[in-house]
Amino acid sequence: MGATDMSVTGDVAEMQGLYGAFSFPEKLLQRIWATGEFVRDQLTTIDGQRVTIGQAGKWNLLGGPDFKGARVTIGEGSERTGDVELHLRAEDWANHRHAADPAYRNVILHVVLFPPAAGHVTRGAGGEAIPVAALLPLLHRDLESYADDAAVESLVDQPLDEALREWVGRSAEELTAMLREHAKTRWQRKVRDANRRIERLGWSEACHHAALEILGYRFNRVPMLRTAARWRLAEWVRRGVDPDVAWAAERESWSVQGVRPANHPRVRLRQYATWVRARPDWPEALISAAGRVFEGAGVEATRTFRHKNDLTARRRAWSDLVAGEAVGGTRWDNLVCDGFLPLMAARTGEDLFAPWWHWFSGDLPEGQERALRRAGVFGGRENPAAHGPLQGLLGWRLAREATSAGRGA
């Protein structure tokens, strides 16, 4: 879970993570259910019955159950249509007195975050038992990462000007050191998530899931993850998954409005099919890529580190060795920074923060690079735009938002 201490108050869990306190609201659990960002094909009730989701239901933002008109099959029974209620803890059903509320009489599944104590039963208005399913064991990442991603998404369209007024009068060297510390926190979380993924899926499937998830970034991560779970890497290799069939399987889930043609999920699926045909053993090739040691501790200027380690040539070589050059440009940089380097660090135990810090910037929210140029962090030949400082800026903004929220609480 990534948390060492926890308290649940109302609809928010307050937890102490490895890098500070964070909140996990019930609304975030509802979003995870709505998008299916968990291992759906392993969902079971707490008494071990398989739960098959035909339709998650319509998210109800008014009173009553959280999702209306869901379709689910429990065990060997027939598909049922009804409502789904979500809580952080199973006990919240009784605490909220739902059994006495007629609005909840059609609830057919009670979904909770934390697995309840042995013997727990959720009972409806007539005393009948309502099946309970817990999502925590099925999450792709730990709770801190889900909360972090939700916070990052909320910052994407917010202007930077007001926040960056706090930087006036600070030197580029001081700002770079500050961003490095925030970037280290984000790097450690990514390595921790990679470890969790490898432990749950094994090396090859962890690589497969990470690649498709990042190819779907930012609007189509979840259907890409479901695609990875539906067709394992071995199936793409053995018989070649038709990317148009994969597209059709998630037809109702793809987000294409406002997506650039190059980032269209059908294009990305075809790209991945080309990739796997060219390099069917690409996760093993990634291990080979990890074998060449990087020189330098990462505190030197980006130009110096890139020259010392010939990052431009290495970037091209990795694209060929791992993906047969099927993916390039900024999306390749995202694959390296969000997927490959954390996976390689988790697999080998090597500290790869330095190449991650100095790697090419990739696809990150517009305006952030301009802000770091204005602040002097990027600029000149010695310090071109790089991934790490941009991640540090995101981390700084998240910390600033959390501090502001704490003051307002």
Protein backbone atom coordinates (compact mmCIF):
# COMPACT_ATOMS: atom_id res chain seq x y z
CA MET A 1 0.00 0.00 0.00
CA GLY A 2 2.95 2.32 0.50
CA ALA A 3 1.66 3.58 3.85
CA THR A 4 2.91 2.81 7.32
CA ASP A 5 0.16 4.50 9.37
CA MET A 6 -3.45 5.29 8.57
CA SER A 7 -6.60 6.89 9.90
CA VAL A 8 -9.95 6.98 8.12
CA THR A 9 -12.19 9.93 8.86
CA GLY A 10 -15.44 10.27 6.94
CA ASP A 11 -14.75 9.80 3.24
CA VAL A 12 -10.99 10.36 3.35
CA ALA A 13 -8.15 8.10 4.45
CA GLU A 14 -5.18 10.03 5.86
CA MET A 15 -1.99 8.00 5.54
CA GLN A 16 1.68 8.34 6.24
CA GLY A 17 3.54 7.28 3.13
CA LEU A 18 7.22 6.67 2.65
CA TYR A 19 7.71 10.31 1.67
CA GLY A 20 5.21 12.14 3.87
CA ALA A 21 1.51 12.28 4.64
CA PHE A 22 -1.08 12.00 1.89
CA SER A 23 -4.85 11.74 1.57
CA PHE A 24 -6.86 9.13 -0.30
CA PRO A 25 -10.47 10.31 -0.74
CA GLU A 26 -13.43 8.07 -1.46
CA LYS A 27 -13.95 10.02 -4.69
CA LEU A 28 -10.62 8.65 -5.94
CA LEU A 29 -11.78 5.09 -5.19
CA GLN A 30 -14.93 5.84 -7.19
CA ARG A 31 -12.82 7.04 -10.12
CA ILE A 32 -10.74 3.85 -10.01
CA TRP A 33 -13.95 1.79 -10.17
CA ALA A 34 -15.36 3.96 -12.98
CA THR A 35 -12.24 3.67 -15.13
CA GLY A 36 -11.46 0.06 -14.24
CA GLU A 37 -7.91 0.89 -13.17
CA PHE A 38 -7.43 -2.38 -11.31
CA VAL A 39 -6.98 -6.05 -12.24
CA ARG A 40 -10.61 -6.63 -13.23
CA ASP A 41 -10.27 -10.27 -14.22
CA GLN A 42 -9.14 -11.18 -10.69
CA LEU A 43 -11.95 -9.43 -8.81
CA THR A 44 -13.62 -11.69 -6.25
CA THR A 45 -15.93 -11.29 -3.29
CA ILE A 46 -14.37 -11.63 0.14
CA ASP A 47 -15.75 -15.18 0.32
CA GLY A 48 -13.97 -16.13 -2.92
CA GLN A 49 -16.63 -15.85 -5.63
CA ARG A 50 -15.57 -14.50 -9.01
CA VAL A 51 -17.03 -11.09 -9.91
CA THR A 52 -17.46 -10.42 -13.63
CA ILE A 53 -18.20 -6.79 -14.49
CA GLY A 54 -20.45 -6.39 -17.50
CA GLN A 55 -20.96 -2.68 -16.84
CA ALA A 56 -19.50 -0.68 -13.94
CA GLY A 57 -22.62 1.51 -13.84
CA LYS A 58 -23.25 5.21 -14.29
CA TRP A 59 -21.37 7.35 -11.80
CA ASN A 60 -23.97 9.01 -9.58
CA LEU A 61 -22.70 12.34 -8.23
CA LEU A 62 -25.98 13.07 -6.41
CA GLY A 63 -27.54 11.26 -3.46
CA GLY A 64 -27.86 7.48 -3.23
CA PRO A 65 -25.58 4.68 -4.44
CA ASP A 66 -22.36 5.69 -6.15
CA PHE A 67 -23.02 3.78 -9.39
CA LYS A 68 -26.45 3.12 -10.90
CA GLY A 69 -27.43 0.46 -13.38
CA ALA A 70 -24.35 -1.73 -13.07
CA ARG A 71 -24.30 -5.23 -14.53
CA VAL A 72 -22.31 -7.88 -12.63
CA THR A 73 -22.16 -11.65 -12.36
CA ILE A 74 -21.27 -13.20 -9.00
CA GLY A 75 -19.84 -16.72 -9.09
CA GLU A 76 -21.87 -19.14 -11.20
CA GLY A 77 -25.03 -17.03 -11.02
CA SER A 78 -26.68 -15.13 -13.81
CA GLU A 79 -25.90 -11.51 -14.60
CA ARG A 80 -27.69 -9.05 -12.35
CA THR A 81 -28.47 -5.38 -12.92
CA GLY A 82 -28.47 -3.01 -9.96
CA ASP A 83 -26.44 -0.46 -8.04
CA VAL A 84 -22.91 -0.50 -6.62
CA GLU A 85 -21.88 1.33 -3.45
CA LEU A 86 -18.25 2.11 -2.65
CA HIS A 87 -16.58 2.84 0.68
CA LEU A 88 -13.03 2.98 1.96
CA ARG A 89 -13.98 0.53 4.74
CA ALA A 90 -16.71 -2.10 4.81
CA GLU A 91 -17.96 -0.76 8.17
CA ASP A 92 -18.98 2.51 6.52
CA TRP A 93 -22.12 0.84 5.14
CA ALA A 94 -23.48 0.45 8.66
CA ASN A 95 -22.00 3.76 9.84
CA HIS A 96 -23.90 5.57 7.08
CA ARG A 97 -27.11 3.60 7.89
CA HIS A 98 -27.59 2.57 4.26
CA ALA A 99 -29.65 -0.49 5.20
CA ALA A 100 -32.38 1.85 6.51
CA ASP A 101 -32.36 4.04 3.39
CA PRO A 102 -34.72 2.95 0.56
CA ALA A 103 -32.37 4.55 -1.97
CA TYR A 104 -29.95 1.65 -1.39
CA ARG A 105 -32.41 -1.23 -1.76
CA ASN A 106 -31.11 -2.13 -5.25
CA VAL A 107 -27.42 -2.39 -4.28
CA ILE A 108 -26.07 -5.69 -5.61
CA LEU A 109 -22.37 -5.20 -4.82
CA HIS A 110 -20.51 -3.40 -2.03
CA VAL A 111 -17.00 -2.43 -3.18
CA VAL A 112 -14.46 -1.36 -0.54
CA LEU A 113 -10.83 -0.33 -0.64
CA PHE A 114 -9.48 -2.13 2.42
CA PRO A 115 -10.30 -5.83 2.91
CA PRO A 116 -12.64 -6.18 5.92
CA ALA A 117 -12.09 -8.31 9.00
CA ALA A 118 -12.84 -12.02 8.69
CA GLY A 119 -16.53 -12.79 8.99
CA HIS A 120 -17.74 -9.37 7.88
CA VAL A 121 -21.16 -9.28 6.21
CA THR A 122 -22.83 -6.27 4.59
CA ARG A 123 -26.60 -6.53 5.04
CA GLY A 124 -29.32 -4.78 3.08
CA ALA A 125 -32.70 -3.49 4.15
CA GLY A 126 -34.27 -6.95 4.55
CA GLY A 127 -31.25 -8.41 6.28
CA GLU A 128 -30.02 -10.11 3.11
CA ALA A 129 -26.26 -10.35 2.59
CA ILE A 130 -24.80 -8.09 -0.10
CA PRO A 131 -21.59 -9.40 -1.75
CA VAL A 132 -18.47 -7.44 -0.77
CA ALA A 133 -15.34 -7.05 -2.92
CA ALA A 134 -12.08 -5.34 -1.90
CA LEU A 135 -9.96 -3.48 -4.48
CA LEU A 136 -6.70 -2.87 -2.59
CA PRO A 137 -5.07 -6.21 -3.55
CA LEU A 138 -5.90 -5.60 -7.21
CA LEU A 139 -4.55 -2.08 -7.70
CA HIS A 140 -1.83 -1.66 -10.32
CA ARG A 141 0.12 0.69 -8.03
CA ASP A 142 0.16 1.66 -4.37
CA LEU A 143 -2.27 4.17 -2.89
CA GLU A 144 0.30 6.96 -2.67
CA SER A 145 0.93 6.74 -6.42
CA TYR A 146 -2.78 6.87 -7.25
CA ALA A 147 -3.18 9.93 -5.03
CA ASP A 148 -0.07 11.48 -6.57
CA ASP A 149 -1.30 10.93 -10.14
CA ALA A 150 -4.68 12.45 -9.33
CA ALA A 151 -2.95 15.49 -7.86
CA VAL A 152 -0.68 15.86 -10.91
CA GLU A 153 -3.69 15.70 -13.22
CA SER A 154 -5.36 18.49 -11.26
CA LEU A 155 -2.27 20.69 -11.76
CA VAL A 156 -1.88 20.21 -15.52
CA ASP A 157 -4.04 23.14 -16.59
CA GLN A 158 -3.28 25.45 -13.67
CA PRO A 159 -1.12 28.49 -14.47
CA LEU A 160 2.38 28.57 -13.03
CA ASP A 161 2.80 32.33 -12.70
CA GLU A 162 1.48 32.76 -9.17
CA ALA A 163 3.40 29.78 -7.81
CA LEU A 164 6.65 30.84 -9.46
CA ARG A 165 6.55 34.26 -7.81
CA GLU A 166 7.99 32.42 -4.81
CA TRP A 167 11.16 31.81 -6.83
CA VAL A 168 11.97 35.47 -7.37
CA GLY A 169 15.45 36.27 -6.08
CA ARG A 170 16.62 32.64 -5.89
CA SER A 171 19.61 31.58 -7.96
CA ALA A 172 19.43 28.93 -10.68
CA GLU A 173 21.81 26.77 -8.61
CA GLU A 174 19.59 26.98 -5.54
CA LEU A 175 16.46 26.19 -7.57
CA THR A 176 18.14 23.25 -9.30
CA ALA A 177 19.16 21.76 -5.94
CA MET A 178 15.60 22.15 -4.65
CA LEU A 179 14.12 20.56 -7.78
CA ARG A 180 16.59 17.69 -7.50
CA GLU A 181 15.25 16.79 -4.05
CA HIS A 182 11.66 16.81 -5.25
CA ALA A 183 12.66 14.81 -8.34
CA LYS A 184 14.32 12.19 -6.14
CA THR A 185 11.03 11.64 -4.34
CA ARG A 186 9.23 11.12 -7.63
CA TRP A 187 11.99 8.81 -8.90
CA GLN A 188 11.81 6.67 -5.74
CA ARG A 189 8.05 6.33 -6.14
CA LYS A 190 8.45 5.22 -9.75
CA VAL A 191 11.02 2.58 -8.77
CA ARG A 192 8.75 1.41 -5.95
CA ASP A 193 5.85 1.08 -8.42
CA ALA A 194 8.11 -0.84 -10.81
CA ASN A 195 9.06 -3.22 -8.00
CA ARG A 196 5.39 -3.79 -7.20
CA ARG A 197 4.63 -4.45 -10.86
CA ILE A 198 7.49 -6.96 -11.24
CA GLU A 199 6.47 -8.78 -8.06
CA ARG A 200 2.87 -9.09 -9.26
CA LEU A 201 3.43 -9.84 -12.96
CA GLY A 202 6.99 -11.05 -13.44
CA TRP A 203 9.60 -9.26 -15.54
CA SER A 204 8.26 -9.72 -19.07
CA GLU A 205 4.65 -8.91 -18.24
CA ALA A 206 5.71 -5.94 -16.11
CA CYS A 207 7.54 -4.55 -19.15
CA HIS A 208 4.56 -5.32 -21.42
CA HIS A 209 2.07 -3.57 -19.11
CA ALA A 210 4.35 -0.55 -18.60
CA ALA A 211 4.93 -0.12 -22.34
CA LEU A 212 1.25 -0.18 -23.28
CA GLU A 213 0.29 2.04 -20.34
CA ILE A 214 2.81 4.70 -21.38
CA LEU A 215 1.80 4.46 -25.04
CA GLY A 216 -1.70 5.32 -23.84
CA TYR A 217 -0.53 8.28 -21.78
CA ARG A 218 -2.23 10.45 -20.75
CA PHE A 219 -5.89 9.91 -21.63
CA ASN A 220 -5.86 6.20 -22.51
CA ARG A 221 -3.71 4.60 -19.82
CA VAL A 222 -6.52 2.49 -18.36
CA PRO A 223 -7.84 0.84 -21.54
CA MET A 224 -4.23 0.21 -22.55
CA LEU A 225 -3.66 -1.58 -19.23
CA ARG A 226 -6.78 -3.68 -19.79
CA THR A 227 -5.48 -4.52 -23.27
CA ALA A 228 -2.18 -5.64 -21.75
CA ALA A 229 -4.03 -7.87 -19.29
CA ARG A 230 -6.33 -9.32 -21.98
CA TRP A 231 -3.49 -10.25 -24.36
CA ARG A 232 -0.23 -11.15 -22.64
CA LEU A 233 3.08 -10.46 -24.35
CA ALA A 234 3.40 -14.12 -25.34
CA GLU A 235 0.17 -13.84 -27.34
CA TRP A 236 1.44 -10.77 -29.20
CA VAL A 237 4.60 -12.75 -29.99
CA ARG A 238 3.12 -16.18 -30.71
CA ARG A 239 0.18 -15.35 -32.96
CA GLY A 240 0.32 -11.61 -33.35
CA VAL A 241 -2.54 -9.68 -31.80
CA ASP A 242 -4.45 -7.69 -34.40
CA PRO A 243 -4.27 -4.08 -33.16
CA ASP A 244 -7.64 -3.33 -34.77
CA VAL A 245 -9.21 -6.17 -32.75
CA ALA A 246 -7.57 -4.79 -29.61
CA TRP A 247 -8.95 -1.36 -30.47
CA ALA A 248 -12.45 -2.75 -30.97
CA ALA A 249 -12.37 -4.63 -27.64
CA GLU A 250 -12.16 -1.31 -25.77
CA ARG A 251 -14.21 0.69 -28.27
CA GLU A 252 -16.36 2.34 -25.58
CA SER A 253 -13.40 3.25 -23.37
CA TRP A 254 -10.95 5.08 -25.61
CA SER A 255 -10.66 8.84 -25.26
CA VAL A 256 -9.91 10.38 -28.65
CA GLN A 257 -11.29 13.89 -28.36
CA GLY A 258 -8.42 16.38 -28.44
CA VAL A 259 -5.85 13.59 -28.93
CA ARG A 260 -3.25 14.36 -31.58
CA PRO A 261 -3.28 11.94 -34.56
CA ALA A 262 0.11 10.48 -33.59
CA ASN A 263 -1.23 9.70 -30.10
CA HIS A 264 -4.46 8.07 -31.26
CA PRO A 265 -4.75 4.75 -29.39
CA ARG A 266 -5.31 2.77 -32.59
CA VAL A 267 -2.05 4.23 -33.97
CA ARG A 268 -0.24 3.38 -30.74
CA LEU A 269 -1.56 -0.21 -30.79
CA ARG A 270 -0.34 -0.65 -34.36
CA GLN A 271 2.99 0.81 -33.30
CA TYR A 272 3.26 -1.73 -30.49
CA ALA A 273 2.42 -4.59 -32.84
CA THR A 274 5.25 -3.44 -35.13
CA TRP A 275 7.53 -3.17 -32.09
CA VAL A 276 6.82 -6.74 -30.92
CA ARG A 277 7.26 -8.19 -34.39
CA ALA A 278 10.65 -6.51 -34.66
CA ARG A 279 11.82 -7.37 -31.13
CA PRO A 280 9.74 -10.25 -29.70
CA ASP A 281 12.19 -10.69 -26.81
CA TRP A 282 12.36 -6.98 -26.02
CA PRO A 283 12.16 -7.29 -22.19
CA GLU A 284 15.35 -9.37 -22.31
CA ALA A 285 16.91 -6.76 -24.60
CA LEU A 286 16.06 -4.17 -21.96
CA ILE A 287 18.12 -6.12 -19.43
CA SER A 288 21.03 -6.06 -21.90
CA ALA A 289 20.63 -2.30 -22.23
CA ALA A 290 20.88 -2.01 -18.46
CA GLY A 291 24.28 -3.69 -18.52
CA ARG A 292 26.20 -0.62 -19.65
CA VAL A 293 27.09 1.49 -16.61
CA PHE A 294 26.47 5.24 -16.54
CA GLU A 295 29.35 7.47 -15.49
CA GLY A 296 28.89 10.36 -13.10
CA ALA A 297 26.79 11.04 -10.02
CA GLY A 298 24.36 13.30 -11.85
CA VAL A 299 25.24 16.55 -10.06
CA GLU A 300 27.20 17.85 -13.04
CA ALA A 301 25.65 19.94 -15.79
CA THR A 302 23.29 18.08 -18.11
CA ARG A 303 25.48 18.71 -21.15
CA THR A 304 28.49 17.25 -19.34
CA PHE A 305 26.60 14.13 -18.25
CA ARG A 306 25.08 13.59 -21.68
CA HIS A 307 28.45 13.97 -23.38
CA LYS A 308 30.23 11.70 -20.88
CA ASN A 309 27.61 8.96 -21.37
CA ASP A 310 26.82 9.69 -25.02
CA LEU A 311 23.10 9.83 -24.24
CA THR A 312 22.12 10.90 -27.76
CA ALA A 313 23.69 7.77 -29.26
CA ARG A 314 22.40 5.60 -26.42
CA ARG A 315 18.89 6.93 -26.98
CA ARG A 316 19.03 5.79 -30.64
CA ALA A 317 20.67 2.48 -29.78
CA TRP A 318 18.05 1.63 -27.15
CA SER A 319 15.23 2.48 -29.56
CA ASP A 320 16.70 -0.03 -32.02
CA LEU A 321 17.74 -2.70 -29.51
CA VAL A 322 14.48 -2.67 -27.53
CA ALA A 323 11.80 -1.57 -30.02
CA GLY A 324 13.26 -1.95 -33.49
CA GLU A 325 12.91 1.84 -33.80
CA ALA A 326 9.11 1.43 -33.87
CA VAL A 327 8.78 4.29 -31.36
CA GLY A 328 10.83 7.46 -31.31
CA GLY A 329 10.76 11.09 -30.33
CA THR A 330 9.28 12.39 -27.10
CA ARG A 331 7.11 9.30 -26.56
CA TRP A 332 10.25 7.17 -26.56
CA ASP A 333 11.68 9.47 -23.90
CA ASN A 334 8.56 8.90 -21.81
CA LEU A 335 8.95 5.16 -22.21
CA VAL A 336 12.55 5.40 -21.01
CA CYS A 337 11.86 7.70 -18.06
CA ASP A 338 8.44 6.51 -16.87
CA GLY A 339 8.93 2.84 -17.69
CA PHE A 340 12.33 1.46 -18.59
CA LEU A 341 14.72 3.21 -16.19
CA PRO A 342 12.52 2.55 -13.10
CA LEU A 343 12.03 -1.09 -14.20
CA MET A 344 15.77 -1.50 -14.80
CA ALA A 345 16.55 0.02 -11.39
CA ALA A 346 14.04 -2.28 -9.71
CA ARG A 347 15.38 -5.35 -11.52
CA THR A 348 19.12 -4.68 -11.06
CA GLY A 349 19.18 -2.70 -7.82
CA GLU A 350 21.29 0.00 -9.53
CA ASP A 351 20.67 3.66 -8.77
CA LEU A 352 19.71 5.11 -12.15
CA PHE A 353 18.54 8.48 -10.87
CA ALA A 354 21.36 10.34 -12.67
CA PRO A 355 20.45 9.24 -16.23
CA TRP A 356 16.76 9.72 -15.40
CA TRP A 357 17.49 13.29 -14.20
CA HIS A 358 19.50 14.19 -17.31
CA TRP A 359 17.43 12.30 -19.89
CA PHE A 360 15.56 14.17 -22.64
CA SER A 361 12.37 15.85 -21.45
CA GLY A 362 9.69 13.81 -23.24
CA ASP A 363 5.98 14.66 -23.16
CA LEU A 364 5.21 16.78 -20.12
CA PRO A 365 2.60 19.52 -19.57
CA GLU A 366 3.19 22.57 -21.73
CA GLY A 367 4.46 25.64 -19.97
CA GLN A 368 6.68 23.83 -17.48
CA GLU A 369 9.75 23.97 -19.71
CA ARG A 370 9.17 27.69 -20.35
CA ALA A 371 8.89 28.29 -16.61
CA LEU A 372 12.24 26.60 -15.94
CA ARG A 373 13.87 28.60 -18.72
CA ARG A 374 12.57 31.84 -17.20
CA ALA A 375 13.95 30.75 -13.83
CA GLY A 376 17.37 29.98 -15.33
CA VAL A 377 17.29 26.26 -14.54
CA PHE A 378 17.30 25.50 -18.27
CA GLY A 379 19.35 27.60 -20.61
CA GLY A 380 22.54 27.83 -22.58
CA ARG A 381 24.61 24.93 -23.81
CA GLU A 382 25.29 23.47 -20.37
CA ASN A 383 21.74 22.98 -19.16
CA PRO A 384 19.31 22.05 -21.95
CA ALA A 385 15.79 20.90 -21.09
CA ALA A 386 15.84 17.57 -19.25
CA HIS A 387 13.35 15.20 -17.67
CA GLY A 388 14.46 15.37 -14.04
CA PRO A 389 14.03 19.11 -13.36
CA LEU A 390 10.57 18.97 -14.99
CA GLN A 391 9.64 16.11 -12.67
CA GLY A 392 11.09 18.12 -9.79
CA LEU A 393 8.84 21.04 -10.72
CA LEU A 394 5.82 18.73 -10.60
CA GLY A 395 6.98 17.44 -7.22
CA TRP A 396 7.48 20.96 -5.88
CA ARG A 397 4.01 21.99 -7.04
CA LEU A 398 2.46 18.92 -5.40
CA ALA A 399 4.23 19.66 -2.13
CA ARG A 400 3.14 23.28 -2.32
CA GLU A 401 -0.51 22.27 -2.95
CA ALA A 402 -0.42 19.81 -0.06
CA THR A 403 0.96 22.49 2.27
CA SER A 404 -1.71 24.95 1.16
CA ALA A 405 -4.43 22.35 1.71
CA GLY A 406 -3.04 21.65 5.18
CA ARG A 407 -3.23 25.33 6.09
CA GLY A 408 -6.82 25.47 4.91
CA ALA A 409 -7.90 22.37 6.82
